[in-house]
Amino acid sequence: MCVIDSYIQPLLNRVLFTDKLGISCTTIELDSISSSCGEERGDRFKLSIPYARQNLTWNVFFDSQCPEMGPDFIFNDSTFLTDMDVDTLSAKVPSLAKWNHTDENALLNVLVELLSCYKQHQIQLLEKQIRLQFEYNTLMRPPEVNPEDVEMILLPFNSKPTEARFLIRLSVDVSQLPNRTCKSKNDTAMLLVTFSGADWDRITPQLHFSKSLKEILGGTGGLHLPHFPPRQILINYVLDIKKYIAERVNSIVQSFEKRRDYLATFIALKRESCIEYDTLNYTYISSLVNLDNFHFVLYIQIPSGFPLEQPIVQFISVYHIISRNVPYTEVVENCHYNPKWTPCRMIEELYAFILRKAGILFKLNSIKSCS
């Protein structure tokens, strides 16, 4: 098995550990390694480069016996750089023309410049497609969308295209989202719009989020992506999606604040009986209830959609075990609830319901089930 040549290794490491190339959230991957000199000194390798939610396969060829020589490339898209003269290539890819193998960023700089050239190549291909060229030209409307926030590609390579992809990085203010960490600084929302069909009239939109943002927003499954009307232009749909995500973010922030208020009110009213509560996301609280000298734990789960979604209430026995280390538990149904009530009213109504009916039934059921 080939091992990357010692002078190439730092150049390659810089590429593989960079996650800011293009607008995707994924990194460049190394697919294979080989040698040009019949030894175990690997100086040829294949890179898989993310672009517009498509992997570009670029073969990179070094000569380990001549480290001062820059790399050669073979692209899986054979239409790329086919008619570019040496002077133009030197101007567009200066890091290759002035190759410096002692600079660990040398290969990364070349890839960045080549990727920029590839994007320009795809823009030129759009000129042959009236609908797609119109969509791209109208999409370039700063400050809503900047050119560096868009990647596009026509597929398949080397033949008449049947699919066009537009990947758009969305500038959405998520600074108000709760519990953001240093990792959240790289939060990214991207809209992938795929055009297909004889007149490019079949349009499929998809939302993609960076991992941390996806966890906060509840995943794409929690977002019902608006339909892309056949006659709507892309820029208007992008603005609709940005508004849609902003509303989702605002909803999460409001729910977070409502959950925090609910727990703060609960603690103020029932401080002496509180057992534990979630101090990070405010999603649960438990307390000890004393009903005529019969004790049980009241466990309240507060859903992400609170207050529109009603809290889930459980009673947990402190006396009765139904199996090994599993206490007798009931989910309480038909609790009095109105999302328009204040937190104080919600808690008072819940305790009134417990003392009047639910607590007594739980006492009887727990004793009966474990007798």
Protein backbone atom coordinates (compact mmCIF):
# COMPACT_ATOMS: atom_id res chain seq x y z
CA MET A 1 0.00 0.00 0.00
CA CYS A 2 1.33 3.43 -0.98
CA VAL A 3 2.06 6.02 1.65
CA ILE A 4 1.90 9.69 0.65
CA ASP A 5 5.34 11.08 -0.08
CA SER A 6 6.76 13.11 2.80
CA TYR A 7 6.85 16.42 0.91
CA ILE A 8 3.29 15.98 -0.38
CA GLN A 9 1.80 14.93 2.97
CA PRO A 10 1.58 18.43 4.57
CA LEU A 11 0.09 19.83 1.35
CA LEU A 12 -2.57 17.12 1.33
CA ASN A 13 -3.27 17.39 5.07
CA ARG A 14 -4.03 21.08 4.67
CA VAL A 15 -6.61 20.22 2.00
CA LEU A 16 -8.26 17.33 3.87
CA PHE A 17 -8.60 19.26 7.14
CA THR A 18 -10.18 22.32 5.54
CA ASP A 19 -13.97 22.57 5.78
CA LYS A 20 -14.50 25.98 4.19
CA LEU A 21 -13.99 25.11 0.52
CA GLY A 22 -17.13 26.13 -1.36
CA ILE A 23 -20.45 26.53 0.42
CA SER A 24 -21.14 22.90 1.35
CA CYS A 25 -20.88 21.60 4.90
CA THR A 26 -18.81 18.56 3.87
CA THR A 27 -15.05 18.21 3.47
CA ILE A 28 -12.83 17.03 0.63
CA GLU A 29 -12.17 13.30 0.75
CA LEU A 30 -9.19 11.25 -0.40
CA ASP A 31 -10.35 8.34 -2.56
CA SER A 32 -7.16 6.56 -3.61
CA ILE A 33 -3.34 6.83 -3.66
CA SER A 34 -0.80 5.53 -6.16
CA SER A 35 2.85 6.05 -7.11
CA SER A 36 4.47 7.26 -10.33
CA CYS A 37 7.86 5.69 -9.66
CA GLY A 38 6.97 2.10 -8.80
CA GLU A 39 7.83 2.60 -5.15
CA GLU A 40 5.74 3.06 -2.03
CA ARG A 41 6.07 6.84 -2.23
CA GLY A 42 2.52 7.89 -3.15
CA ASP A 43 2.46 10.99 -5.31
CA ARG A 44 -0.80 10.50 -7.20
CA PHE A 45 -4.21 10.58 -5.61
CA LYS A 46 -7.87 11.11 -6.32
CA LEU A 47 -9.89 13.78 -4.52
CA SER A 48 -13.65 13.93 -4.11
CA ILE A 49 -14.60 17.61 -3.93
CA PRO A 50 -18.11 18.72 -2.84
CA TYR A 51 -19.72 21.21 -5.18
CA ALA A 52 -23.45 22.00 -5.55
CA ARG A 53 -24.29 18.77 -3.67
CA GLN A 54 -22.33 16.84 -6.29
CA ASN A 55 -18.90 15.27 -5.85
CA LEU A 56 -16.31 16.37 -8.40
CA THR A 57 -13.58 13.76 -8.90
CA TRP A 58 -10.20 15.34 -9.57
CA ASN A 59 -7.06 13.26 -10.07
CA VAL A 60 -3.91 15.01 -8.84
CA PHE A 61 -0.49 14.01 -10.22
CA PHE A 62 2.79 14.98 -8.55
CA ASP A 63 6.31 13.82 -9.32
CA SER A 64 7.87 12.80 -6.01
CA GLN A 65 11.35 12.98 -7.60
CA CYS A 66 10.80 16.64 -8.56
CA PRO A 67 9.02 18.29 -5.61
CA GLU A 68 9.51 21.75 -7.10
CA MET A 69 7.18 20.82 -9.98
CA GLY A 70 3.54 21.72 -9.55
CA PRO A 71 0.76 19.11 -9.89
CA ASP A 72 -1.15 18.10 -13.01
CA PHE A 73 -4.88 17.40 -12.97
CA ILE A 74 -7.42 15.22 -14.73
CA PHE A 75 -11.06 16.22 -14.14
CA ASN A 76 -14.05 13.90 -14.40
CA ASP A 77 -15.76 16.71 -16.35
CA SER A 78 -13.76 16.63 -19.58
CA THR A 79 -15.32 19.90 -20.80
CA PHE A 80 -13.47 21.83 -18.10
CA LEU A 81 -10.33 23.79 -19.16
CA THR A 82 -10.36 22.29 -22.66
CA ASP A 83 -9.86 25.60 -24.51
CA MET A 84 -7.97 27.73 -21.98
CA ASP A 85 -4.52 28.93 -23.12
CA VAL A 86 -1.47 29.00 -20.87
CA ASP A 87 -1.55 32.76 -20.23
CA THR A 88 -5.22 32.72 -19.23
CA LEU A 89 -4.69 29.69 -17.00
CA SER A 90 -1.71 31.41 -15.32
CA ALA A 91 -3.87 34.47 -14.64
CA LYS A 92 -6.80 32.47 -13.25
CA VAL A 93 -4.72 29.94 -11.28
CA PRO A 94 -1.68 31.98 -10.14
CA SER A 95 -0.87 29.56 -7.31
CA LEU A 96 -0.16 26.89 -9.92
CA ALA A 97 1.84 29.19 -12.19
CA LYS A 98 3.96 30.31 -9.20
CA TRP A 99 4.02 26.93 -7.47
CA ASN A 100 5.85 26.88 -4.13
CA HIS A 101 6.10 23.37 -2.68
CA THR A 102 7.41 24.72 0.65
CA ASP A 103 4.11 26.50 1.31
CA GLU A 104 1.72 24.06 3.00
CA ASN A 105 -1.23 26.03 1.55
CA ALA A 106 0.03 25.67 -2.01
CA LEU A 107 -2.23 22.78 -3.08
CA LEU A 108 -5.24 24.20 -1.23
CA ASN A 109 -4.80 27.55 -2.99
CA VAL A 110 -4.67 25.83 -6.37
CA LEU A 111 -7.87 23.90 -5.62
CA VAL A 112 -9.68 27.06 -4.51
CA GLU A 113 -8.69 28.84 -7.71
CA LEU A 114 -9.61 25.85 -9.90
CA LEU A 115 -12.97 25.57 -8.19
CA SER A 116 -13.60 29.25 -8.95
CA CYS A 117 -12.74 28.55 -12.59
CA TYR A 118 -15.08 25.58 -12.58
CA LYS A 119 -17.92 27.74 -11.31
CA GLN A 120 -17.30 30.25 -14.10
CA HIS A 121 -17.29 27.35 -16.55
CA GLN A 122 -20.74 26.29 -15.33
CA ILE A 123 -22.03 29.86 -15.59
CA GLN A 124 -20.91 29.91 -19.23
CA LEU A 125 -22.74 26.66 -19.90
CA LEU A 126 -25.94 28.29 -18.60
CA GLU A 127 -25.82 30.72 -21.54
CA LYS A 128 -27.11 27.93 -23.78
CA GLN A 129 -30.18 27.44 -21.55
CA ILE A 130 -32.47 30.48 -21.68
CA ARG A 131 -34.61 29.58 -18.65
CA LEU A 132 -31.64 28.70 -16.46
CA GLN A 133 -29.65 31.76 -17.47
CA PHE A 134 -32.65 33.95 -16.61
CA GLU A 135 -32.98 32.27 -13.21
CA TYR A 136 -29.29 32.78 -12.45
CA ASN A 137 -29.22 36.41 -13.58
CA THR A 138 -32.28 37.34 -11.51
CA LEU A 139 -30.89 35.39 -8.56
CA MET A 140 -27.87 37.67 -8.38
CA ARG A 141 -29.59 40.36 -6.33
CA PRO A 142 -27.37 41.59 -3.47
CA PRO A 143 -27.81 41.85 -0.55
CA GLU A 144 -30.44 39.05 -0.63
CA VAL A 145 -28.11 36.71 -2.54
CA ASN A 146 -24.40 37.20 -3.23
CA PRO A 147 -22.50 35.46 -6.06
CA GLU A 148 -20.23 33.66 -3.56
CA ASP A 149 -23.33 32.11 -1.95
CA VAL A 150 -24.39 30.24 -5.10
CA GLU A 151 -23.04 27.13 -6.80
CA MET A 152 -24.65 25.69 -9.92
CA ILE A 153 -23.99 22.67 -12.09
CA LEU A 154 -25.42 21.04 -15.21
CA LEU A 155 -25.61 17.25 -15.26
CA PRO A 156 -24.62 14.83 -16.64
CA PHE A 157 -21.11 15.82 -17.64
CA ASN A 158 -19.95 15.69 -21.26
CA SER A 159 -23.42 15.38 -22.81
CA LYS A 160 -26.70 17.23 -23.20
CA PRO A 161 -27.76 18.29 -19.69
CA THR A 162 -30.99 16.90 -18.24
CA GLU A 163 -30.63 18.32 -14.73
CA ALA A 164 -29.53 21.67 -13.32
CA ARG A 165 -28.74 22.20 -9.65
CA PHE A 166 -28.62 25.52 -7.85
CA LEU A 167 -27.16 25.38 -4.33
CA ILE A 168 -27.81 28.62 -2.44
CA ARG A 169 -26.41 29.49 0.96
CA LEU A 170 -29.09 31.37 2.87
CA SER A 171 -28.14 34.29 5.08
CA VAL A 172 -30.57 33.83 7.97
CA ASP A 173 -30.12 35.47 11.37
CA VAL A 174 -30.02 32.64 13.91
CA SER A 175 -28.13 34.59 16.59
CA GLN A 176 -31.16 34.57 18.90
CA LEU A 177 -31.42 30.77 18.99
CA PRO A 178 -30.86 29.39 22.52
CA ASN A 179 -27.80 27.49 23.72
CA ARG A 180 -25.54 28.43 20.84
CA THR A 181 -21.91 27.37 21.29
CA CYS A 182 -18.66 28.21 19.53
CA LYS A 183 -19.49 25.41 17.06
CA SER A 184 -22.68 27.24 16.14
CA LYS A 185 -20.68 30.01 14.47
CA ASN A 186 -20.53 27.77 11.39
CA ASP A 187 -24.31 27.27 11.26
CA THR A 188 -25.39 27.09 7.63
CA ALA A 189 -28.73 26.82 5.88
CA MET A 190 -28.66 25.85 2.20
CA LEU A 191 -31.39 25.56 -0.38
CA LEU A 192 -30.87 23.08 -3.21
CA VAL A 193 -33.19 23.63 -6.18
CA THR A 194 -33.09 21.06 -8.98
CA PHE A 195 -34.49 21.87 -12.43
CA SER A 196 -35.31 19.08 -14.89
CA GLY A 197 -37.74 18.32 -17.69
CA ALA A 198 -37.75 19.33 -21.35
CA ASP A 199 -38.42 23.00 -20.52
CA TRP A 200 -36.77 22.93 -17.08
CA ASP A 201 -40.28 23.06 -15.63
CA ARG A 202 -39.92 20.24 -13.08
CA ILE A 203 -38.55 21.90 -9.98
CA THR A 204 -37.57 20.12 -6.75
CA PRO A 205 -36.44 22.15 -3.72
CA GLN A 206 -34.60 20.72 -0.70
CA LEU A 207 -33.34 22.33 2.50
CA HIS A 208 -30.02 21.33 4.04
CA PHE A 209 -28.66 22.44 7.40
CA SER A 210 -25.34 22.13 9.17
CA LYS A 211 -25.47 19.56 11.97
CA SER A 212 -25.77 21.99 14.90
CA LEU A 213 -28.47 24.06 13.19
CA LYS A 214 -30.37 20.93 12.18
CA GLU A 215 -30.49 19.78 15.81
CA ILE A 216 -31.82 23.14 17.00
CA LEU A 217 -34.46 23.43 14.26
CA GLY A 218 -35.62 19.87 14.82
CA GLY A 219 -34.38 18.55 11.47
CA THR A 220 -35.82 19.04 8.03
CA GLY A 221 -38.64 16.67 8.97
CA GLY A 222 -40.00 19.39 11.22
CA LEU A 223 -40.07 21.88 8.36
CA HIS A 224 -42.80 21.63 5.74
CA LEU A 225 -41.05 23.14 2.75
CA PRO A 226 -43.35 25.43 0.75
CA HIS A 227 -44.26 24.28 -2.75
CA PHE A 228 -42.35 25.81 -5.66
CA PRO A 229 -45.06 27.10 -8.05
CA PRO A 230 -44.23 26.37 -11.72
CA ARG A 231 -44.35 30.03 -12.74
CA GLN A 232 -42.51 31.46 -9.77
CA ILE A 233 -38.94 32.62 -10.33
CA LEU A 234 -36.12 31.29 -8.20
CA ILE A 235 -35.19 34.53 -6.41
CA ASN A 236 -38.75 34.98 -5.12
CA TYR A 237 -38.81 31.42 -3.84
CA VAL A 238 -35.45 31.97 -2.10
CA LEU A 239 -36.84 35.03 -0.34
CA ASP A 240 -39.93 33.02 0.70
CA ILE A 241 -37.70 30.30 2.19
CA LYS A 242 -35.58 32.83 4.07
CA LYS A 243 -38.76 34.28 5.56
CA TYR A 244 -40.01 30.78 6.36
CA ILE A 245 -36.81 29.85 8.23
CA ALA A 246 -36.82 33.19 10.07
CA GLU A 247 -40.36 32.48 11.27
CA ARG A 248 -39.29 29.01 12.40
CA VAL A 249 -36.35 30.50 14.32
CA ASN A 250 -38.64 33.07 15.92
CA SER A 251 -41.08 30.32 16.92
CA ILE A 252 -38.28 28.33 18.60
CA VAL A 253 -37.06 31.41 20.47
CA GLN A 254 -40.57 32.22 21.69
CA SER A 255 -41.19 28.63 22.80
CA PHE A 256 -37.87 28.62 24.66
CA GLU A 257 -38.83 31.78 26.51
CA LYS A 258 -42.30 30.40 27.30
CA ARG A 259 -40.82 27.17 28.69
CA ARG A 260 -38.38 29.15 30.80
CA ASP A 261 -41.23 31.29 32.18
CA TYR A 262 -43.28 28.16 32.94
CA LEU A 263 -40.46 26.55 34.92
CA ALA A 264 -39.65 29.78 36.74
CA THR A 265 -43.29 30.14 37.77
CA PHE A 266 -43.50 26.48 38.82
CA ILE A 267 -40.40 26.83 41.01
CA ALA A 268 -41.74 30.03 42.55
CA LEU A 269 -45.07 28.35 43.39
CA LYS A 270 -43.78 24.91 44.42
CA ARG A 271 -40.22 25.58 45.50
CA GLU A 272 -40.27 23.28 48.53
CA SER A 273 -41.51 20.26 46.58
CA CYS A 274 -39.33 20.57 43.45
CA ILE A 275 -36.97 17.65 42.83
CA GLU A 276 -35.18 18.52 39.60
CA TYR A 277 -35.62 20.51 36.42
CA ASP A 278 -33.88 21.19 33.10
CA THR A 279 -31.74 24.32 33.47
CA LEU A 280 -30.48 24.24 29.87
CA ASN A 281 -33.48 23.83 27.57
CA TYR A 282 -36.32 23.98 30.14
CA THR A 283 -37.93 20.78 28.85
CA TYR A 284 -38.91 19.07 32.11
CA ILE A 285 -39.49 19.50 35.83
CA SER A 286 -40.41 17.09 38.60
CA SER A 287 -41.84 17.64 42.05
CA LEU A 288 -43.15 15.64 44.99
CA VAL A 289 -46.91 15.69 45.56
CA ASN A 290 -48.45 14.93 48.97
CA LEU A 291 -52.08 13.84 48.71
CA ASP A 292 -53.51 12.99 52.14
CA ASN A 293 -50.11 11.61 53.20
CA PHE A 294 -49.80 9.62 49.96
CA HIS A 295 -46.71 10.75 48.04
CA PHE A 296 -45.88 10.47 44.35
CA VAL A 297 -43.69 12.25 41.81
CA LEU A 298 -45.24 14.66 39.35
CA TYR A 299 -43.11 14.68 36.17
CA ILE A 300 -43.90 17.30 33.51
CA GLN A 301 -42.37 17.24 30.02
CA ILE A 302 -42.61 20.54 28.16
CA PRO A 303 -42.61 20.01 24.37
CA SER A 304 -40.75 22.21 21.89
CA GLY A 305 -44.09 23.52 20.61
CA PHE A 306 -45.17 24.84 24.01
CA PRO A 307 -47.54 26.56 24.73
CA LEU A 308 -49.47 25.44 21.64
CA GLU A 309 -48.45 21.88 22.50
CA GLN A 310 -49.71 20.80 25.90
CA PRO A 311 -47.21 19.55 28.51
CA ILE A 312 -47.10 15.79 29.05
CA VAL A 313 -47.90 14.95 32.66
CA GLN A 314 -46.86 11.72 34.39
CA PHE A 315 -47.37 10.37 37.88
CA ILE A 316 -44.59 8.15 39.27
CA SER A 317 -45.11 6.09 42.40
CA VAL A 318 -42.54 6.23 45.18
CA TYR A 319 -43.92 3.01 46.73
CA HIS A 320 -44.79 0.57 43.96
CA ILE A 321 -42.45 -1.27 41.58
CA ILE A 322 -43.94 -3.12 38.59
CA SER A 323 -40.64 -4.73 37.55
CA ARG A 324 -37.04 -4.55 38.60
CA ASN A 325 -36.17 -0.91 39.33
CA VAL A 326 -39.19 0.33 37.32
CA PRO A 327 -41.74 2.31 39.37
CA TYR A 328 -45.44 2.24 38.60
CA THR A 329 -46.15 5.16 36.24
CA GLU A 330 -49.21 6.67 34.59
CA VAL A 331 -49.56 9.29 31.88
CA VAL A 332 -52.28 11.69 32.94
CA GLU A 333 -54.96 12.36 30.34
CA ASN A 334 -57.59 15.10 30.08
CA CYS A 335 -55.73 17.67 32.13
CA HIS A 336 -57.38 21.06 32.00
CA TYR A 337 -55.30 23.23 29.69
CA ASN A 338 -55.51 26.32 27.56
CA PRO A 339 -52.45 27.68 25.69
CA LYS A 340 -53.66 31.23 26.31
CA TRP A 341 -53.48 30.84 30.10
CA THR A 342 -50.61 32.39 32.03
CA PRO A 343 -48.05 29.91 33.45
CA CYS A 344 -49.49 30.57 36.91
CA ARG A 345 -53.00 29.65 35.74
CA MET A 346 -51.71 26.51 34.00
CA ILE A 347 -50.01 25.24 37.14
CA GLU A 348 -52.94 26.10 39.41
CA GLU A 349 -55.38 24.29 37.12
CA LEU A 350 -53.09 21.24 36.97
CA TYR A 351 -52.81 20.97 40.74
CA ALA A 352 -56.54 21.50 41.16
CA PHE A 353 -57.10 18.63 38.71
CA ILE A 354 -54.63 16.45 40.63
CA LEU A 355 -56.21 17.10 44.02
CA ARG A 356 -59.76 16.77 42.73
CA LYS A 357 -59.53 13.65 40.60
CA ALA A 358 -56.30 12.50 38.98
CA GLY A 359 -54.25 12.02 42.15
CA ILE A 360 -56.95 9.94 43.85
CA LEU A 361 -57.29 7.66 40.80
CA PHE A 362 -53.53 7.21 40.62
CA LYS A 363 -53.40 6.22 44.28
CA LEU A 364 -56.07 3.57 43.77
CA ASN A 365 -54.54 2.26 40.53
CA SER A 366 -51.01 2.03 41.90
CA ILE A 367 -52.16 0.13 44.98
CA LYS A 368 -54.36 -2.18 42.90
CA SER A 369 -51.74 -2.94 40.26
CA CYS A 370 -49.11 -3.88 42.81
CA SER A 371 -51.24 -5.64 45.37
